[in-house]
């Protein structure tokens, strides 16, 4: 536990925090969505689910979720970058 406390008390530079934000963005905006898309294709085939294609409505619903997710992701990055640098303890 002391090891974690020392790690949490460390003040990271702006450059270190920016690198962490860029790395996290790459993971959450590229790697995880790619994994979800690829794995869902194989899971659908494995369970033999029917294809869900209804044209324009799929595009609109998908865009709505993408915009909401993008706004939430940007908000969390801002919070982590600005407020996350201050150590807070219970």
C-alpha atoms as a PDB file:
ATOM      1  CA  UNK A   1       0.000   0.000   0.000  1.00  0.00           C
ATOM      2  CA  UNK A   2       2.869   2.396   0.726  1.00  0.00           C
ATOM      3  CA  UNK A   3       4.164   1.829  -2.784  1.00  0.00           C
ATOM      4  CA  UNK A   4       0.843   2.908  -4.272  1.00  0.00           C
ATOM      5  CA  UNK A   5       0.705   5.946  -1.988  1.00  0.00           C
ATOM      6  CA  UNK A   6       4.174   7.058  -3.144  1.00  0.00           C
ATOM      7  CA  UNK A   7       3.142   6.590  -6.756  1.00  0.00           C
ATOM      8  CA  UNK A   8      -0.060   8.608  -6.187  1.00  0.00           C
ATOM      9  CA  UNK A   9       1.815  11.448  -4.470  1.00  0.00           C
ATOM     10  CA  UNK A  10       4.225  11.903  -7.369  1.00  0.00           C
ATOM     11  CA  UNK A  11       3.631  15.119  -9.313  1.00  0.00           C
ATOM     12  CA  UNK A  12       3.888  14.456 -13.053  1.00  0.00           C
ATOM     13  CA  UNK A  13       5.070  17.101 -15.505  1.00  0.00           C
ATOM     14  CA  UNK A  14       2.857  18.550 -18.203  1.00  0.00           C
ATOM     15  CA  UNK A  15       4.804  16.582 -20.825  1.00  0.00           C
ATOM     16  CA  UNK A  16       4.283  13.294 -18.962  1.00  0.00           C
ATOM     17  CA  UNK A  17       0.577  13.960 -18.596  1.00  0.00           C
ATOM     18  CA  UNK A  18       0.276  14.857 -22.300  1.00  0.00           C
ATOM     19  CA  UNK A  19       1.992  11.592 -23.295  1.00  0.00           C
ATOM     20  CA  UNK A  20      -0.415   9.670 -21.042  1.00  0.00           C
ATOM     21  CA  UNK A  21      -3.399  11.454 -22.615  1.00  0.00           C
ATOM     22  CA  UNK A  22      -2.183  10.678 -26.146  1.00  0.00           C
ATOM     23  CA  UNK A  23      -1.546   7.017 -25.285  1.00  0.00           C
ATOM     24  CA  UNK A  24      -4.936   6.712 -23.572  1.00  0.00           C
ATOM     25  CA  UNK A  25      -6.664   8.372 -26.514  1.00  0.00           C
ATOM     26  CA  UNK A  26      -5.066   5.904 -28.914  1.00  0.00           C
ATOM     27  CA  UNK A  27      -6.199   2.962 -26.788  1.00  0.00           C
ATOM     28  CA  UNK A  28      -9.769   4.174 -26.216  1.00  0.00           C
ATOM     29  CA  UNK A  29     -10.451   5.750 -29.623  1.00  0.00           C
ATOM     30  CA  UNK A  30      -8.715   3.257 -31.924  1.00  0.00           C
ATOM     31  CA  UNK A  31      -7.743  -0.059 -30.302  1.00  0.00           C
ATOM     32  CA  UNK A  32     -10.893  -0.770 -28.268  1.00  0.00           C
ATOM     33  CA  UNK A  33     -13.396   0.217 -31.026  1.00  0.00           C
ATOM     34  CA  UNK A  34     -11.433  -1.884 -33.525  1.00  0.00           C
ATOM     35  CA  UNK A  35     -11.524  -4.852 -31.150  1.00  0.00           C
ATOM     36  CA  UNK A  36     -15.276  -4.422 -30.596  1.00  0.00           C
ATOM     37  CA  UNK A  37     -16.016  -4.238 -34.338  1.00  0.00           C
ATOM     38  CA  UNK A  38     -13.885  -7.244 -35.258  1.00  0.00           C
ATOM     39  CA  UNK A  39     -14.944  -9.420 -32.335  1.00  0.00           C
ATOM     40  CA  UNK A  40     -18.652  -8.616 -32.794  1.00  0.00           C
ATOM     41  CA  UNK A  41     -18.464  -9.805 -36.395  1.00  0.00           C
ATOM     42  CA  UNK A  42     -17.091 -13.193 -35.294  1.00  0.00           C
ATOM     43  CA  UNK A  43     -19.441 -13.498 -32.315  1.00  0.00           C
ATOM     44  CA  UNK A  44     -22.435 -12.846 -34.580  1.00  0.00           C
ATOM     45  CA  UNK A  45     -21.279 -15.590 -36.943  1.00  0.00           C
ATOM     46  CA  UNK A  46     -20.593 -17.980 -34.063  1.00  0.00           C
ATOM     47  CA  UNK A  47     -24.080 -17.541 -32.575  1.00  0.00           C
ATOM     48  CA  UNK A  48     -25.636 -17.281 -36.069  1.00  0.00           C
ATOM     49  CA  UNK A  49     -27.390 -14.002 -35.323  1.00  0.00           C
ATOM     50  CA  UNK A  50     -29.230 -12.429 -38.267  1.00  0.00           C
ATOM     51  CA  UNK A  51     -27.709  -9.316 -39.808  1.00  0.00           C
ATOM     52  CA  UNK A  52     -29.160  -6.041 -38.558  1.00  0.00           C
ATOM     53  CA  UNK A  53     -29.362  -3.757 -41.576  1.00  0.00           C
ATOM     54  CA  UNK A  54     -32.079  -1.175 -41.821  1.00  0.00           C
ATOM     55  CA  UNK A  55     -30.318   1.448 -43.957  1.00  0.00           C
ATOM     56  CA  UNK A  56     -30.337   5.083 -42.911  1.00  0.00           C
ATOM     57  CA  UNK A  57     -31.677   4.472 -39.395  1.00  0.00           C
ATOM     58  CA  UNK A  58     -28.548   2.456 -38.501  1.00  0.00           C
ATOM     59  CA  UNK A  59     -26.354   5.304 -39.695  1.00  0.00           C
ATOM     60  CA  UNK A  60     -28.276   7.919 -37.709  1.00  0.00           C
ATOM     61  CA  UNK A  61     -28.332   5.878 -34.499  1.00  0.00           C
ATOM     62  CA  UNK A  62     -24.636   5.048 -34.891  1.00  0.00           C
ATOM     63  CA  UNK A  63     -23.733   8.709 -35.450  1.00  0.00           C
ATOM     64  CA  UNK A  64     -25.779   9.753 -32.427  1.00  0.00           C
ATOM     65  CA  UNK A  65     -23.894   7.300 -30.195  1.00  0.00           C
ATOM     66  CA  UNK A  66     -20.554   8.281 -31.742  1.00  0.00           C
ATOM     67  CA  UNK A  67     -21.104  11.986 -31.057  1.00  0.00           C
ATOM     68  CA  UNK A  68     -22.260  11.321 -27.492  1.00  0.00           C
ATOM     69  CA  UNK A  69     -19.259   9.058 -26.885  1.00  0.00           C
ATOM     70  CA  UNK A  70     -16.881  11.576 -28.434  1.00  0.00           C
ATOM     71  CA  UNK A  71     -18.199  14.384 -26.231  1.00  0.00           C
ATOM     72  CA  UNK A  72     -17.933  12.216 -23.122  1.00  0.00           C
ATOM     73  CA  UNK A  73     -14.403  11.099 -24.056  1.00  0.00           C
ATOM     74  CA  UNK A  74     -13.247  14.687 -24.585  1.00  0.00           C
ATOM     75  CA  UNK A  75     -14.732  15.738 -21.269  1.00  0.00           C
ATOM     76  CA  UNK A  76     -12.961  12.908 -19.415  1.00  0.00           C
ATOM     77  CA  UNK A  77      -9.633  13.748 -21.086  1.00  0.00           C
ATOM     78  CA  UNK A  78     -10.014  17.382 -20.015  1.00  0.00           C
ATOM     79  CA  UNK A  79     -10.831  16.382 -16.445  1.00  0.00           C
ATOM     80  CA  UNK A  80      -7.950  13.913 -16.244  1.00  0.00           C
ATOM     81  CA  UNK A  81      -5.499  16.429 -17.666  1.00  0.00           C
ATOM     82  CA  UNK A  82      -6.550  19.424 -15.581  1.00  0.00           C
ATOM     83  CA  UNK A  83      -7.934  18.125 -12.285  1.00  0.00           C
ATOM     84  CA  UNK A  84      -6.289  14.699 -12.306  1.00  0.00           C
ATOM     85  CA  UNK A  85      -2.842  16.137 -11.542  1.00  0.00           C
ATOM     86  CA  UNK A  86      -3.844  17.039  -7.983  1.00  0.00           C
ATOM     87  CA  UNK A  87      -3.464  14.098  -5.579  1.00  0.00           C
ATOM     88  CA  UNK A  88      -6.626  13.506  -3.579  1.00  0.00           C
ATOM     89  CA  UNK A  89      -6.851  11.179  -0.618  1.00  0.00           C
ATOM     90  CA  UNK A  90      -9.789   9.771   1.292  1.00  0.00           C
END
